[in-house]
């Protein structure tokens, strides 16, 4: 039977398909359960969750904005007329390219929490303009580092650079902030020719986070999607305000725009092998690119636009969620790269609909080993609202999933804002969740019985 957390309890971890709970949020229960196995405890990290609430829009507000945009051109000097017409053209183009508008961005699974691929270091968005970084391997300091800079405005996503040491990319208004860690005697290098206004954030143990670069977006666009190539050489970025995405050569600080049709981009995902690249748009289409020649094949969905996408460990299939569907879809490549031959298959999660009364899937995360899938959903009664469903996944010959149980967060009526997996434990992956109640909690999912005591 799937594990279900009783109302008023909080989830601590999984041990062999049993999701352990506690009456309250504390480290004591963690020490008694997974702490004995791992020899460490991942303490919850508090943050100001109310600052991350997405702005609400209404038709009345839209009409008000349109009314404010109407001006009497005859009353303006010529310079004002030109500036006004240029501004009108930009706004019209944004509406043309992005008919979904910014209102739909809150439905997309933006990458708001990220684990370092080799280290037990987590980063997550903790405010509109700030990022928290916690190194669980640093025994000298248990306080997280706070990354703030005047160039880092309206943070939407973040992601650690693969094979790049302690380097973090942060998507924000006007571009991408690149942070790197420095230690005494081992300072982070700033790219030659990078902006001169770069700053630092210090911490008492000698670790210093340095803003080593800033990649400016075109027309001061809000960057809302990031994805690193597996080798860490290239960084892809996109904006919901634009129909193109950019591939950055990080060492050179140079970006190459790649365009494909109308419609604002909602999501980017590089495959784990680097052979394929996934791009989703708000108009309901998505593209699969092969990166040898950068050619693509378009796909479309009847279930509105893509809200989440995760690759399997081998990069041969991608799991996708849609804004108006309680069923996932998987795209399977039938032959080796650079072939684009692929098949789309449904992936049913019947327990979510039958047990939780799910209206549609909200966010998804897939462990790098491919063995655990985390799913949040909209709808459901008061008992199931705000929970995360955990599935045991098999990928041969096609994807199948069995429900392990549900995770409940701390606080009053908590809802998952963002979550992500980390797979550097032999016993199983770590799932970190930023909850609306103001805590980022980490849940070890331990099920590799051959390494459990």
Protein backbone atom coordinates (compact mmCIF):
# COMPACT_ATOMS: atom_id res chain seq x y z
CA UNK A 1 0.00 0.00 0.00
CA UNK A 2 1.25 3.53 -0.76
CA UNK A 3 2.43 5.53 2.24
CA UNK A 4 0.14 8.41 3.18
CA UNK A 5 1.07 11.18 5.67
CA UNK A 6 -1.71 11.91 8.12
CA UNK A 7 -2.90 15.54 8.31
CA UNK A 8 -0.81 17.45 10.84
CA UNK A 9 2.33 15.37 10.24
CA UNK A 10 5.41 16.11 8.12
CA UNK A 11 7.41 13.72 5.95
CA UNK A 12 11.01 12.95 6.93
CA UNK A 13 12.35 10.42 4.39
CA UNK A 14 11.74 7.18 2.53
CA UNK A 15 13.22 3.87 3.66
CA UNK A 16 12.46 0.96 1.32
CA UNK A 17 9.14 2.31 -0.02
CA UNK A 18 7.99 3.48 3.42
CA UNK A 19 7.70 7.25 3.77
CA UNK A 20 8.53 8.08 7.38
CA UNK A 21 6.68 10.95 9.09
CA UNK A 22 7.02 13.03 12.27
CA UNK A 23 4.66 15.17 14.32
CA UNK A 24 6.71 18.32 13.74
CA UNK A 25 9.65 19.65 11.78
CA UNK A 26 12.92 18.94 13.60
CA UNK A 27 16.29 17.24 13.18
CA UNK A 28 15.62 14.68 15.94
CA UNK A 29 13.45 12.39 13.84
CA UNK A 30 15.87 12.72 10.91
CA UNK A 31 18.77 11.62 13.13
CA UNK A 32 16.81 8.60 14.32
CA UNK A 33 15.91 7.48 10.79
CA UNK A 34 18.12 8.31 7.82
CA UNK A 35 20.78 10.05 9.94
CA UNK A 36 21.92 6.68 11.28
CA UNK A 37 22.31 5.42 7.72
CA UNK A 38 23.91 8.44 6.05
CA UNK A 39 25.83 9.90 8.95
CA UNK A 40 24.47 13.38 8.19
CA UNK A 41 21.23 15.34 8.45
CA UNK A 42 19.83 17.82 5.92
CA UNK A 43 18.31 20.50 8.12
CA UNK A 44 15.38 22.56 6.73
CA UNK A 45 16.36 25.98 5.36
CA UNK A 46 13.92 28.83 6.11
CA UNK A 47 13.23 31.64 3.63
CA UNK A 48 10.67 34.39 3.02
CA UNK A 49 8.19 32.51 0.86
CA UNK A 50 5.60 35.30 0.67
CA UNK A 51 8.06 37.35 -1.39
CA UNK A 52 7.96 34.69 -4.11
CA UNK A 53 4.19 34.85 -4.65
CA UNK A 54 3.41 35.26 -8.35
CA UNK A 55 1.54 38.47 -9.21
CA UNK A 56 -2.11 37.99 -10.12
CA UNK A 57 -3.62 39.53 -13.21
CA UNK A 58 -7.17 40.18 -14.22
CA UNK A 59 -8.98 41.36 -17.31
CA UNK A 60 -9.64 44.66 -15.57
CA UNK A 61 -5.90 45.14 -14.94
CA UNK A 62 -5.15 44.27 -18.57
CA UNK A 63 -7.69 46.86 -19.76
CA UNK A 64 -6.20 49.42 -17.39
CA UNK A 65 -2.71 48.77 -18.76
CA UNK A 66 -4.00 49.11 -22.31
CA UNK A 67 -5.75 52.38 -21.43
CA UNK A 68 -2.57 53.73 -19.85
CA UNK A 69 -0.67 52.87 -23.03
CA UNK A 70 -2.95 55.11 -25.12
CA UNK A 71 -1.49 58.60 -25.48
CA UNK A 72 -2.29 61.78 -27.40
CA UNK A 73 0.51 61.76 -29.95
CA UNK A 74 -0.30 65.28 -31.17
CA UNK A 75 0.56 66.70 -27.75
CA UNK A 76 4.11 65.25 -27.77
CA UNK A 77 7.25 66.76 -29.32
CA UNK A 78 8.73 64.82 -32.25
CA UNK A 79 11.31 63.05 -30.06
CA UNK A 80 8.50 61.98 -27.75
CA UNK A 81 6.44 60.74 -30.70
CA UNK A 82 9.30 58.54 -31.91
CA UNK A 83 9.97 57.17 -28.44
CA UNK A 84 6.27 56.49 -27.88
CA UNK A 85 5.86 54.71 -31.22
CA UNK A 86 8.98 52.63 -30.54
CA UNK A 87 7.59 51.66 -27.14
CA UNK A 88 4.21 50.81 -28.67
CA UNK A 89 5.92 48.67 -31.32
CA UNK A 90 7.89 46.76 -28.68
CA UNK A 91 4.77 46.14 -26.60
CA UNK A 92 2.79 45.06 -29.67
CA UNK A 93 5.58 42.69 -30.72
CA UNK A 94 5.68 41.17 -27.24
CA UNK A 95 1.93 40.53 -27.37
CA UNK A 96 2.29 39.04 -30.85
CA UNK A 97 5.17 36.77 -29.87
CA UNK A 98 3.73 35.94 -26.50
CA UNK A 99 -0.07 35.70 -26.67
CA UNK A 100 -0.05 33.72 -23.41
CA UNK A 101 1.43 36.76 -21.63
CA UNK A 102 3.28 36.66 -18.34
CA UNK A 103 0.21 35.27 -16.54
CA UNK A 104 1.00 31.75 -17.78
CA UNK A 105 4.57 31.82 -16.51
CA UNK A 106 3.42 30.86 -13.01
CA UNK A 107 2.16 27.54 -14.40
CA UNK A 108 5.57 26.53 -15.76
CA UNK A 109 8.00 24.48 -13.70
CA UNK A 110 10.78 27.07 -13.51
CA UNK A 111 14.03 25.71 -12.12
CA UNK A 112 13.85 27.36 -8.69
CA UNK A 113 16.03 24.88 -6.77
CA UNK A 114 19.20 23.15 -7.99
CA UNK A 115 21.66 20.64 -6.54
CA UNK A 116 25.34 20.72 -7.43
CA UNK A 117 26.05 17.61 -9.51
CA UNK A 118 29.12 16.46 -7.56
CA UNK A 119 28.74 18.09 -4.14
CA UNK A 120 26.11 18.27 -1.41
CA UNK A 121 25.50 21.94 -2.19
CA UNK A 122 22.00 23.26 -2.83
CA UNK A 123 20.91 26.62 -4.25
CA UNK A 124 17.38 27.96 -4.39
CA UNK A 125 15.51 31.19 -5.05
CA UNK A 126 14.74 32.74 -1.65
CA UNK A 127 13.34 36.10 -2.73
CA UNK A 128 12.60 38.19 -5.82
CA UNK A 129 16.25 39.27 -6.13
CA UNK A 130 18.18 36.78 -4.04
CA UNK A 131 19.50 33.22 -3.94
CA UNK A 132 20.45 31.06 -0.94
CA UNK A 133 23.31 28.56 -1.18
CA UNK A 134 23.89 25.90 1.49
CA UNK A 135 26.95 23.65 1.51
CA UNK A 136 26.04 20.62 3.65
CA UNK A 137 29.64 19.40 3.41
CA UNK A 138 30.95 22.52 5.18
CA UNK A 139 31.04 21.50 8.84
CA UNK A 140 32.43 24.87 9.94
CA UNK A 141 29.37 26.85 9.01
CA UNK A 142 25.74 25.79 8.99
CA UNK A 143 24.45 29.15 7.80
CA UNK A 144 23.63 29.49 4.10
CA UNK A 145 25.26 32.11 1.88
CA UNK A 146 23.02 34.84 0.48
CA UNK A 147 23.77 35.94 -3.09
CA UNK A 148 22.61 39.48 -3.84
CA UNK A 149 23.71 42.01 -6.44
CA UNK A 150 22.24 45.07 -8.13
CA UNK A 151 22.36 43.25 -11.48
CA UNK A 152 20.40 40.31 -10.07
CA UNK A 153 16.78 41.48 -10.41
CA UNK A 154 13.61 39.38 -10.57
CA UNK A 155 15.21 35.94 -10.37
CA UNK A 156 13.28 33.24 -12.27
CA UNK A 157 15.58 30.20 -12.50
CA UNK A 158 19.02 28.90 -11.54
CA UNK A 159 21.27 25.96 -12.38
CA UNK A 160 24.75 24.75 -11.39
CA UNK A 161 27.37 24.49 -14.13
CA UNK A 162 28.39 20.85 -14.85
CA UNK A 163 32.12 20.18 -14.54
CA UNK A 164 32.66 23.80 -13.63
CA UNK A 165 33.54 23.71 -9.95
CA UNK A 166 31.28 25.78 -7.73
CA UNK A 167 29.74 27.95 -10.44
CA UNK A 168 26.06 28.91 -10.48
CA UNK A 169 23.98 30.58 -13.22
CA UNK A 170 20.99 32.74 -12.25
CA UNK A 171 18.33 33.90 -14.73
CA UNK A 172 17.08 37.41 -14.02
CA UNK A 173 15.80 40.61 -15.56
CA UNK A 174 18.18 41.77 -18.29
CA UNK A 175 20.49 38.78 -18.36
CA UNK A 176 22.24 35.96 -16.50
CA UNK A 177 24.38 36.30 -13.37
CA UNK A 178 27.31 33.86 -13.12
CA UNK A 179 28.48 33.28 -9.55
CA UNK A 180 31.59 31.33 -8.46
CA UNK A 181 33.01 30.36 -5.07
CA UNK A 182 36.41 31.55 -3.93
CA UNK A 183 38.59 30.34 -1.07
CA UNK A 184 41.69 31.89 0.51
CA UNK A 185 44.49 31.25 -1.97
CA UNK A 186 42.06 30.03 -4.64
CA UNK A 187 40.18 33.02 -6.00
CA UNK A 188 37.49 32.64 -8.66
CA UNK A 189 38.62 34.02 -12.01
CA UNK A 190 36.66 36.79 -13.71
CA UNK A 191 36.38 36.46 -17.49
CA UNK A 192 38.58 38.87 -19.38
CA UNK A 193 36.41 41.67 -20.68
CA UNK A 194 33.59 41.02 -18.20
CA UNK A 195 31.75 44.04 -16.73
CA UNK A 196 33.76 46.04 -14.22
CA UNK A 197 30.94 46.48 -11.70
CA UNK A 198 31.11 42.89 -10.42
CA UNK A 199 30.77 42.45 -6.68
CA UNK A 200 31.23 39.84 -3.97
CA UNK A 201 29.38 38.25 -1.09
CA UNK A 202 31.53 37.10 1.83
CA UNK A 203 31.06 34.59 4.61
CA UNK A 204 32.84 34.08 7.91
CA UNK A 205 34.57 30.77 7.06
CA UNK A 206 36.64 32.32 4.28
CA UNK A 207 34.35 31.21 1.47
CA UNK A 208 33.45 34.09 -0.82
CA UNK A 209 30.90 34.09 -3.63
CA UNK A 210 31.94 36.31 -6.51
CA UNK A 211 29.81 37.53 -9.39
CA UNK A 212 32.33 36.66 -12.11
CA UNK A 213 30.25 37.45 -15.21
CA UNK A 214 26.96 38.86 -16.46
CA UNK A 215 25.49 37.88 -19.84
CA UNK A 216 23.17 40.63 -21.07
CA UNK A 217 19.95 39.67 -22.82
CA UNK A 218 18.65 41.46 -25.89
CA UNK A 219 16.42 44.46 -25.19
CA UNK A 220 16.75 43.88 -21.43
CA UNK A 221 14.53 40.79 -21.69
CA UNK A 222 13.58 38.81 -18.59
CA UNK A 223 15.49 35.52 -18.75
CA UNK A 224 13.14 32.79 -17.49
CA UNK A 225 14.75 29.51 -18.65
CA UNK A 226 18.27 28.08 -18.36
CA UNK A 227 19.92 24.80 -19.34
CA UNK A 228 23.61 23.81 -19.36
CA UNK A 229 25.16 21.47 -21.88
CA UNK A 230 26.41 18.32 -20.07
CA UNK A 231 30.07 19.27 -20.56
CA UNK A 232 29.47 22.73 -19.08
CA UNK A 233 30.83 24.55 -22.12
CA UNK A 234 27.56 26.05 -23.30
CA UNK A 235 24.63 27.65 -21.49
CA UNK A 236 21.23 27.93 -23.18
CA UNK A 237 18.86 30.72 -22.12
CA UNK A 238 15.43 31.93 -23.18
CA UNK A 239 12.69 34.39 -22.29
CA UNK A 240 8.93 34.14 -22.37
CA UNK A 241 9.12 37.54 -24.06
CA UNK A 242 10.93 36.16 -27.11
CA UNK A 243 10.57 33.44 -29.76
CA UNK A 244 14.32 32.76 -29.91
CA UNK A 245 16.72 31.12 -27.50
CA UNK A 246 20.43 31.83 -27.08
CA UNK A 247 23.39 29.47 -26.83
CA UNK A 248 26.21 31.07 -24.82
CA UNK A 249 29.88 30.12 -25.16
CA UNK A 250 30.64 30.71 -21.49
CA UNK A 251 34.42 31.03 -21.85
CA UNK A 252 34.02 33.73 -24.50
CA UNK A 253 30.90 35.35 -23.04
CA UNK A 254 29.33 35.31 -26.53
CA UNK A 255 25.74 34.35 -27.27
CA UNK A 256 24.25 33.03 -30.52
CA UNK A 257 20.47 33.52 -30.94
CA UNK A 258 18.56 30.65 -32.56
CA UNK A 259 15.09 31.46 -33.87
CA UNK A 260 12.18 29.20 -34.68
CA UNK A 261 8.68 30.60 -35.25
CA UNK A 262 6.41 32.75 -33.11
CA UNK A 263 5.39 32.26 -29.51
CA UNK A 264 7.22 32.92 -26.24
CA UNK A 265 9.49 30.14 -24.95
CA UNK A 266 8.50 28.48 -21.69
CA UNK A 267 11.23 25.86 -21.17
CA UNK A 268 14.66 24.56 -22.27
CA UNK A 269 16.18 21.14 -21.47
CA UNK A 270 19.51 19.80 -22.71
CA UNK A 271 19.66 15.98 -22.80
CA UNK A 272 22.15 14.26 -20.43
CA UNK A 273 24.29 13.12 -23.37
CA UNK A 274 24.16 16.48 -25.14
CA UNK A 275 22.84 14.96 -28.38
CA UNK A 276 19.35 16.45 -28.13
CA UNK A 277 17.82 19.71 -26.98
CA UNK A 278 14.19 20.33 -25.96
CA UNK A 279 12.39 23.66 -26.42
CA UNK A 280 8.76 24.32 -25.40
CA UNK A 281 6.58 27.32 -26.22
CA UNK A 282 3.42 28.81 -24.79
CA UNK A 283 1.49 28.28 -28.03
CA UNK A 284 1.33 24.52 -27.34
CA UNK A 285 4.20 23.50 -29.61
CA UNK A 286 7.52 22.03 -28.61
CA UNK A 287 10.65 21.23 -30.58
CA UNK A 288 13.24 18.47 -30.38
CA UNK A 289 16.61 19.54 -31.74
CA UNK A 290 19.61 17.38 -32.51
CA UNK A 291 22.75 19.32 -31.65
CA UNK A 292 25.07 17.97 -34.36
CA UNK A 293 23.53 20.12 -37.12
CA UNK A 294 21.01 22.05 -34.96
CA UNK A 295 18.01 20.90 -36.94
CA UNK A 296 14.66 20.32 -35.28
CA UNK A 297 11.30 18.62 -35.51
CA UNK A 298 8.12 20.37 -34.27
CA UNK A 299 5.49 18.67 -32.12
CA UNK A 300 2.12 19.92 -30.93
CA UNK A 301 -0.20 19.09 -28.05
CA UNK A 302 -3.96 19.21 -27.54
CA UNK A 303 -3.40 19.54 -23.77
CA UNK A 304 -2.21 23.17 -23.92
CA UNK A 305 1.42 24.06 -23.34
CA UNK A 306 4.28 22.18 -21.69
CA UNK A 307 4.68 22.88 -17.97
CA UNK A 308 7.43 20.36 -17.14
CA UNK A 309 9.98 18.21 -18.96
CA UNK A 310 12.65 15.80 -17.66
CA UNK A 311 15.09 13.55 -19.55
CA UNK A 312 15.87 9.96 -18.64
CA UNK A 313 19.49 9.16 -17.63
CA UNK A 314 20.42 7.86 -21.10
CA UNK A 315 18.99 10.80 -23.01
CA UNK A 316 16.85 8.48 -25.15
CA UNK A 317 13.46 9.63 -23.87
CA UNK A 318 11.90 12.72 -22.29
CA UNK A 319 8.93 12.84 -19.92
CA UNK A 320 6.55 15.79 -20.39
CA UNK A 321 3.64 17.33 -18.45
CA UNK A 322 1.02 19.69 -19.91
CA UNK A 323 -1.03 22.51 -18.43
CA UNK A 324 -4.44 20.85 -18.83
CA UNK A 325 -3.67 17.16 -18.38
CA UNK A 326 -3.44 14.62 -15.57
CA UNK A 327 -1.49 12.27 -17.87
CA UNK A 328 2.19 12.53 -18.75
CA UNK A 329 3.66 11.92 -22.19
CA UNK A 330 6.99 10.33 -23.08
CA UNK A 331 8.89 10.87 -26.32
CA UNK A 332 11.09 7.85 -27.18
CA UNK A 333 13.87 8.05 -29.76
CA UNK A 334 13.79 4.88 -31.82
CA UNK A 335 17.39 5.03 -33.06
CA UNK A 336 20.72 6.57 -32.19
CA UNK A 337 21.62 10.26 -32.59
CA UNK A 338 21.49 12.27 -34.75
CA UNK A 339 18.30 10.48 -35.84
CA UNK A 340 15.10 12.39 -35.07
CA UNK A 341 12.80 9.37 -35.37
CA UNK A 342 10.70 9.39 -32.21
CA UNK A 343 7.42 8.08 -30.81
CA UNK A 344 5.13 9.81 -28.31
CA UNK A 345 3.40 7.58 -25.74
CA UNK A 346 1.06 8.39 -22.83
CA UNK A 347 2.18 7.66 -19.26
CA UNK A 348 -0.82 7.19 -16.99
CA UNK A 349 -0.65 7.84 -13.25
CA UNK A 350 -4.08 6.49 -12.30
CA UNK A 351 -3.56 6.77 -8.55
CA UNK A 352 -3.32 10.55 -8.74
CA UNK A 353 -6.75 10.84 -10.33
CA UNK A 354 -8.46 8.13 -8.27
CA UNK A 355 -6.90 8.83 -4.86
CA UNK A 356 -6.15 12.52 -4.98
CA UNK A 357 -8.81 13.73 -7.42
CA UNK A 358 -6.10 15.44 -9.43
CA UNK A 359 -7.29 17.89 -12.10
CA UNK A 360 -3.91 18.26 -13.77
CA UNK A 361 -0.24 17.63 -13.06
CA UNK A 362 1.63 20.74 -11.96
CA UNK A 363 5.36 19.98 -11.64
CA UNK A 364 7.56 16.91 -12.19
CA UNK A 365 11.11 15.88 -11.28
CA UNK A 366 12.91 12.66 -12.24
CA UNK A 367 15.94 11.34 -10.39
CA UNK A 368 19.09 10.99 -12.53
CA UNK A 369 19.07 7.24 -11.92
CA UNK A 370 15.57 7.08 -13.39
CA UNK A 371 14.19 5.22 -10.36
CA UNK A 372 12.10 7.89 -8.63
CA UNK A 373 9.60 10.39 -10.03
CA UNK A 374 8.15 13.28 -8.00
CA UNK A 375 4.83 14.79 -9.11
CA UNK A 376 2.83 17.73 -7.76
CA UNK A 377 -0.73 18.32 -8.90
CA UNK A 378 -3.66 20.71 -8.85
CA UNK A 379 -7.04 19.87 -7.43
CA UNK A 380 -7.91 17.19 -4.92
CA UNK A 381 -9.73 17.44 -1.62
CA UNK A 382 -8.35 19.05 1.53
CA UNK A 383 -6.56 15.85 2.56
CA UNK A 384 -4.50 15.58 -0.64
CA UNK A 385 -3.98 19.23 -1.54
CA UNK A 386 -0.36 20.35 -1.57
CA UNK A 387 1.15 16.86 -1.44
CA UNK A 388 3.89 15.48 -3.69
CA UNK A 389 3.40 11.99 -5.10
CA UNK A 390 6.48 9.74 -5.26
CA UNK A 391 6.62 6.99 -7.90
CA UNK A 392 8.88 4.01 -8.43
CA UNK A 393 9.73 4.05 -12.15
CA UNK A 394 10.69 1.32 -14.63
CA UNK A 395 11.86 2.22 -18.15
CA UNK A 396 11.95 -1.14 -19.96
CA UNK A 397 10.54 -1.44 -22.53
CA UNK A 398 8.46 1.69 -21.91
CA UNK A 399 7.94 3.87 -18.86
CA UNK A 400 5.77 2.43 -16.09
CA UNK A 401 5.30 3.87 -12.62
CA UNK A 402 3.96 2.55 -9.31
CA UNK A 403 2.99 4.84 -6.45
CA UNK A 404 5.25 4.73 -3.38
CA UNK A 405 3.35 7.36 -1.41
CA UNK A 406 2.96 11.07 -0.72
CA UNK A 407 5.15 13.74 0.86
CA UNK A 408 3.60 16.40 3.10
CA UNK A 409 5.45 19.63 3.85
CA UNK A 410 5.65 21.72 7.04
CA UNK A 411 3.42 24.60 8.11
CA UNK A 412 -0.15 25.56 7.39
CA UNK A 413 -1.51 24.36 4.02
CA UNK A 414 1.94 24.02 2.43
CA UNK A 415 2.26 23.79 -1.34
CA UNK A 416 5.40 22.91 -3.31
CA UNK A 417 6.88 25.94 -5.10
CA UNK A 418 9.82 24.10 -6.68
CA UNK A 419 11.64 20.79 -6.23
CA UNK A 420 14.67 18.97 -7.59
CA UNK A 421 16.61 15.69 -7.20
CA UNK A 422 20.24 15.03 -6.24
CA UNK A 423 21.72 11.60 -6.98
CA UNK A 424 25.13 11.40 -5.33
CA UNK A 425 24.18 8.97 -2.57
CA UNK A 426 24.61 5.22 -2.99
CA UNK A 427 21.47 4.52 -0.98
CA UNK A 428 19.14 6.59 -3.18
CA UNK A 429 18.41 10.15 -4.35
CA UNK A 430 17.69 13.29 -2.35
CA UNK A 431 14.56 15.30 -3.12
CA UNK A 432 14.59 18.96 -2.07
CA UNK A 433 11.35 20.93 -1.99
CA UNK A 434 10.76 24.66 -1.49
CA UNK A 435 7.40 24.91 0.30
CA UNK A 436 5.03 27.88 0.34
CA UNK A 437 5.25 27.78 4.14
CA UNK A 438 8.82 29.14 3.93
CA UNK A 439 11.06 26.08 4.23
CA UNK A 440 13.32 24.27 1.80
CA UNK A 441 13.30 20.66 3.00
CA UNK A 442 15.42 17.73 1.80
CA UNK A 443 14.05 14.18 1.81
CA UNK A 444 16.44 11.24 1.38
CA UNK A 445 14.68 8.47 -0.60
CA UNK A 446 16.61 5.37 0.49
CA UNK A 447 15.72 2.12 -1.21
CA UNK A 448 18.92 0.47 -2.44
CA UNK A 449 18.71 -2.40 0.06
CA UNK A 450 22.11 -3.81 -0.89
CA UNK A 451 23.80 -0.73 0.61
CA UNK A 452 21.43 -0.20 3.56
CA UNK A 453 22.59 -1.64 6.89
